[in-house]
Protein backbone atom coordinates (compact mmCIF):
# COMPACT_ATOMS: atom_id res chain seq x y z
CA MET A 1 0.00 0.00 0.00
CA LYS A 2 1.35 3.38 -1.04
CA LEU A 3 0.47 6.54 0.90
CA ILE A 4 1.41 10.09 -0.07
CA SER A 5 1.11 13.33 1.89
CA TRP A 6 1.55 16.84 0.52
CA ASN A 7 1.10 20.32 1.95
CA VAL A 8 -0.09 21.97 -1.25
CA ASN A 9 -0.24 25.52 0.21
CA GLY A 10 -3.46 26.26 -1.66
CA LEU A 11 -4.89 23.45 -3.77
CA ARG A 12 -6.45 25.71 -6.40
CA ALA A 13 -3.06 27.26 -7.13
CA CYS A 14 -1.31 23.88 -7.01
CA VAL A 15 -3.72 22.45 -9.58
CA THR A 16 -2.54 25.09 -12.05
CA LYS A 17 1.07 23.95 -11.45
CA GLY A 18 0.75 20.27 -12.31
CA PHE A 19 -0.94 18.76 -9.27
CA MET A 20 -3.09 16.34 -11.25
CA ASP A 21 -0.13 15.13 -13.31
CA TYR A 22 1.70 14.14 -10.16
CA PHE A 23 -1.44 12.74 -8.56
CA ASN A 24 -2.14 10.48 -11.52
CA GLU A 25 1.46 9.38 -11.99
CA SER A 26 1.97 8.56 -8.32
CA ASP A 27 -1.12 6.32 -8.24
CA ALA A 28 -1.21 6.26 -4.45
CA ASP A 29 -3.73 4.13 -2.59
CA ILE A 30 -4.25 7.01 -0.16
CA PHE A 31 -3.34 10.62 -0.90
CA CYS A 32 -3.45 13.22 1.89
CA LEU A 33 -3.37 17.02 1.61
CA GLN A 34 -2.76 19.85 4.02
CA GLU A 35 -3.38 23.59 3.58
CA THR A 36 -6.06 23.09 0.96
CA LYS A 37 -7.18 26.70 1.61
CA LEU A 38 -10.66 26.36 0.18
CA GLN A 39 -14.29 25.75 1.05
CA ALA A 40 -16.84 23.20 -0.13
CA GLY A 41 -17.74 23.64 -3.79
CA GLN A 42 -14.69 25.73 -4.70
CA ILE A 43 -12.92 22.98 -6.62
CA GLU A 44 -13.82 19.86 -8.55
CA LEU A 45 -11.06 17.34 -9.16
CA PRO A 46 -11.28 14.82 -12.03
CA LEU A 47 -10.85 11.72 -9.89
CA GLU A 48 -13.40 9.82 -12.02
CA GLY A 49 -14.73 7.67 -9.23
CA ARG A 50 -11.34 6.13 -8.47
CA TYR A 51 -11.09 7.75 -5.07
CA SER A 52 -13.45 8.61 -2.26
CA GLN A 53 -12.88 12.19 -1.10
CA TYR A 54 -12.99 13.50 2.46
CA TRP A 55 -12.48 17.17 3.28
CA ASN A 56 -12.11 19.06 6.55
CA TYR A 57 -12.55 22.77 5.82
CA ALA A 58 -11.50 25.60 8.10
CA VAL A 59 -14.22 28.02 9.15
CA LYS A 60 -11.98 30.88 8.06
CA LYS A 61 -12.02 31.17 4.27
CA GLY A 62 -8.79 30.54 2.38
CA TYR A 63 -7.08 29.10 5.45
CA SER A 64 -5.69 25.75 6.57
CA GLY A 65 -7.82 22.70 5.70
CA THR A 66 -7.07 19.02 5.07
CA ALA A 67 -8.26 16.36 2.66
CA VAL A 68 -7.86 12.63 2.03
CA PHE A 69 -8.45 10.82 -1.25
CA THR A 70 -8.56 7.05 -0.86
CA LYS A 71 -9.08 4.00 -3.06
CA VAL A 72 -9.85 1.96 0.07
CA GLU A 73 -13.18 2.73 1.67
CA PRO A 74 -12.79 3.70 5.34
CA LEU A 75 -14.91 2.20 8.08
CA THR A 76 -15.35 5.56 9.80
CA VAL A 77 -14.25 9.18 9.32
CA ARG A 78 -13.70 11.78 12.04
CA TYR A 79 -13.26 15.51 11.54
CA GLY A 80 -11.02 17.06 14.18
CA ILE A 81 -10.30 15.53 17.55
CA GLU A 82 -13.43 13.94 18.94
CA GLU A 83 -15.37 16.29 21.23
CA ASP A 84 -12.97 19.11 20.30
CA SER A 85 -14.12 22.48 19.05
CA GLU A 86 -11.18 22.80 16.63
CA ASP A 87 -12.43 24.88 13.70
CA GLU A 88 -9.29 25.17 11.56
CA GLY A 89 -9.79 21.95 9.60
CA ARG A 90 -6.49 20.54 10.80
CA ILE A 91 -7.25 16.87 11.45
CA LEU A 92 -8.90 14.10 9.44
CA THR A 93 -8.99 10.56 10.83
CA LEU A 94 -9.94 7.59 8.67
CA GLU A 95 -10.39 4.18 10.24
CA PHE A 96 -9.51 1.16 8.11
CA ASP A 97 -9.65 -2.52 8.94
CA ARG A 98 -6.04 -2.80 10.09
CA PHE A 99 -5.12 0.76 11.07
CA TYR A 100 -6.12 4.36 11.66
CA LEU A 101 -4.87 7.08 9.32
CA VAL A 102 -4.55 10.56 10.83
CA ASN A 103 -3.90 13.41 8.40
CA VAL A 104 -2.78 16.53 10.25
CA TYR A 105 -1.68 20.11 9.70
CA THR A 106 -0.03 21.12 12.98
CA PRO A 107 -0.43 24.76 14.06
CA ASN A 108 2.52 27.04 13.39
CA ALA A 109 4.00 28.82 16.40
CA LYS A 110 4.42 31.92 14.18
CA ARG A 111 7.64 33.78 13.51
CA ASP A 112 7.36 35.82 16.73
CA LEU A 113 6.38 32.67 18.69
CA SER A 114 3.12 34.34 19.70
CA ARG A 115 1.28 31.07 19.16
CA LEU A 116 3.84 28.80 20.82
CA GLY A 117 1.80 28.36 24.00
CA TYR A 118 -1.26 27.30 22.02
CA ARG A 119 0.90 25.04 19.86
CA LEU A 120 2.32 23.20 22.87
CA GLU A 121 -1.10 22.71 24.46
CA TRP A 122 -2.43 21.46 21.11
CA GLU A 123 0.46 19.00 20.88
CA ASP A 124 -0.47 17.48 24.24
CA ARG A 125 -4.09 16.99 23.20
CA PHE A 126 -3.05 15.56 19.84
CA ARG A 127 -0.65 13.06 21.42
CA ALA A 128 -3.34 11.92 23.86
CA TYR A 129 -5.72 11.46 20.92
CA LEU A 130 -3.20 9.35 19.00
CA LEU A 131 -2.56 7.18 22.04
CA GLU A 132 -6.30 6.56 22.41
CA LEU A 133 -6.41 5.38 18.81
CA ASP A 134 -3.22 3.35 19.16
CA ALA A 135 -4.76 1.42 22.03
CA GLN A 136 -7.37 0.12 19.55
CA LYS A 137 -5.25 -0.55 16.43
CA PRO A 138 -2.02 0.75 14.84
CA VAL A 139 -1.91 4.38 13.71
CA ILE A 140 -0.29 6.06 10.72
CA VAL A 141 0.11 9.83 11.12
CA CYS A 142 0.97 12.02 8.15
CA GLY A 143 1.17 15.69 7.36
CA ASP A 144 2.93 18.95 7.96
CA LEU A 145 4.03 18.74 11.59
CA ASN A 146 5.71 22.16 11.45
CA VAL A 147 8.87 21.03 13.24
CA ALA A 148 12.32 19.88 12.24
CA HIS A 149 12.98 17.29 14.92
CA GLN A 150 16.76 17.01 14.89
CA GLU A 151 19.64 19.08 13.53
CA ILE A 152 19.92 16.61 10.66
CA ASP A 153 16.42 17.66 9.57
CA LEU A 154 17.32 21.16 8.39
CA LYS A 155 20.20 22.71 6.49
CA ASN A 156 21.18 25.53 8.84
CA ALA A 157 20.52 24.15 12.29
CA LYS A 158 22.81 26.44 14.28
CA SER A 159 21.36 29.68 12.94
CA ASN A 160 17.79 28.44 13.40
CA HIS A 161 17.93 27.34 17.04
CA GLY A 162 15.01 28.96 18.83
CA ASN A 163 13.17 29.91 15.66
CA SER A 164 9.60 28.80 14.97
CA GLY A 165 9.65 25.14 14.00
CA PHE A 166 13.00 24.54 15.70
CA THR A 167 12.45 25.63 19.27
CA THR A 168 13.48 23.37 22.11
CA GLU A 169 9.82 23.14 23.14
CA GLU A 170 8.49 22.07 19.73
CA ARG A 171 11.27 19.56 19.21
CA GLY A 172 10.62 18.21 22.69
CA LYS A 173 6.98 17.57 21.87
CA MET A 174 8.04 15.55 18.82
CA THR A 175 10.41 13.57 21.02
CA ASP A 176 7.60 12.95 23.50
CA LEU A 177 5.36 11.66 20.71
CA LEU A 178 7.97 9.31 19.29
CA GLU A 179 8.91 8.01 22.71
CA SER A 180 5.25 7.25 23.44
CA GLY A 181 5.34 4.49 20.82
CA PHE A 182 5.77 5.88 17.29
CA ILE A 183 8.48 5.88 14.64
CA ASP A 184 9.47 8.48 12.06
CA THR A 185 9.28 6.18 9.02
CA PHE A 186 11.72 8.14 6.86
CA ARG A 187 14.34 8.40 9.60
CA HIS A 188 13.73 4.73 10.48
CA LEU A 189 14.84 3.71 6.98
CA HIS A 190 17.30 6.55 6.33
CA PRO A 191 18.96 7.34 9.67
CA GLU A 192 21.93 9.22 8.18
CA ARG A 193 20.37 11.24 5.35
CA ASP A 194 21.20 14.90 5.95
CA ASP A 195 20.07 16.32 2.60
CA ALA A 196 16.42 15.26 2.60
CA PHE A 197 14.06 18.19 3.07
CA SER A 198 10.36 18.78 2.37
CA TRP A 199 9.99 22.57 2.73
CA TRP A 200 11.92 25.55 1.40
CA SER A 201 11.30 29.25 1.84
CA PHE A 202 10.41 31.42 -1.15
CA MET A 203 13.69 33.34 -0.92
CA PRO A 204 15.67 33.35 -4.19
CA LYS A 205 17.75 30.23 -4.98
CA VAL A 206 16.92 28.58 -1.64
CA ARG A 207 15.23 25.55 -3.16
CA GLU A 208 17.78 25.26 -5.97
CA ARG A 209 20.52 25.11 -3.33
CA ASN A 210 18.44 22.72 -1.18
CA ILE A 211 18.50 24.95 1.89
CA GLY A 212 15.44 23.36 3.41
CA TRP A 213 13.70 21.80 6.37
CA ARG A 214 12.14 18.34 6.80
CA ILE A 215 8.83 19.16 8.49
CA ASP A 216 6.49 16.80 6.61
CA TYR A 217 6.30 13.28 7.99
CA PHE A 218 4.82 9.85 8.03
CA LEU A 219 4.85 8.57 11.60
CA ALA A 220 3.59 5.12 12.52
CA SER A 221 2.94 3.00 15.56
CA ALA A 222 6.24 1.34 16.42
CA ARG A 223 4.77 -2.13 15.89
CA LEU A 224 4.33 -1.28 12.20
CA ALA A 225 8.09 -0.85 11.72
CA PRO A 226 8.61 -4.36 10.26
CA HIS A 227 5.93 -3.67 7.65
CA VAL A 228 7.33 -0.35 6.34
CA THR A 229 9.03 -1.21 3.05
CA ASP A 230 9.84 2.27 1.72
CA ALA A 231 9.74 5.94 2.70
CA GLY A 232 10.70 8.83 0.49
CA ILE A 233 10.58 12.53 -0.30
CA ASP A 234 9.72 13.71 -3.82
CA SER A 235 11.82 16.86 -3.66
CA ALA A 236 11.77 17.39 -7.44
CA ILE A 237 8.00 17.93 -7.45
CA LEU A 238 7.08 21.61 -7.62
CA GLY A 239 3.74 23.37 -7.16
CA SER A 240 4.09 24.29 -3.49
CA ASP A 241 6.76 25.43 -1.05
CA HIS A 242 6.48 21.87 0.31
CA CYS A 243 7.03 18.67 -1.65
CA PRO A 244 5.22 15.33 -1.32
CA VAL A 245 6.37 12.65 1.10
CA MET A 246 5.63 8.95 0.78
CA VAL A 247 5.52 5.71 2.73
CA GLN A 248 4.85 2.18 1.55
CA LEU A 249 3.57 -0.73 3.63
CA GLU A 250 3.79 -4.37 2.62
CA ASP A 251 0.51 -5.57 1.15
CA ALA A 252 0.71 -8.91 2.96
CA TRP A 253 0.30 -7.15 6.32
CA LEU A 254 -2.99 -5.62 5.17
CA LYS A 255 -4.60 -8.96 4.31
């Protein structure tokens, strides 16, 4: 089973930059989006019945939002954390026979860190939610987690210490999540890669020089580690300031 996740930073704009070409060529079983930045009825994708579509829209227009397109019909779908009043369209949970899929767009602490307190509180609630799911069946978490976990996960670590997405607090929350029973699938398979990034700023020549951050992930319950056969980053794919990330699970485990 092949799963892809991509922060498209505005799906309507991304569609004009080759989104459907990549979508069709990748032929993922499950394709997850973050930052769709649209409302119901504002886009119609030519998926031709191949995929079921699930959207979680933010209340605020042109902001945030997540979506999942899947060839495999889910058993249940949840929008946001259960019993949570989250209105930014940040979480979509699909339950399948063997696992839960959680597509997430983690809140940004903002450049001035004015939202760091909210971000940390949100992280605690999100981790508790994942652990509740994990107690029932394995969990796969994908999306823009808005943090570079280790120094290996961004080009200029020293100059970015303390900046949004690389604060001690945000990195600590990622450590807490992994230590509670999850793996970073890419780092699990590629522990030494120091040139693999998924986001680049819009500053001139930054992407060409690969001065980036790895902030888009596929995490998985640790007990799924033996079934992860591949994990990658499609850094050559344009259309957003992020690029798609991928994980593959052995089909035999799903049967």
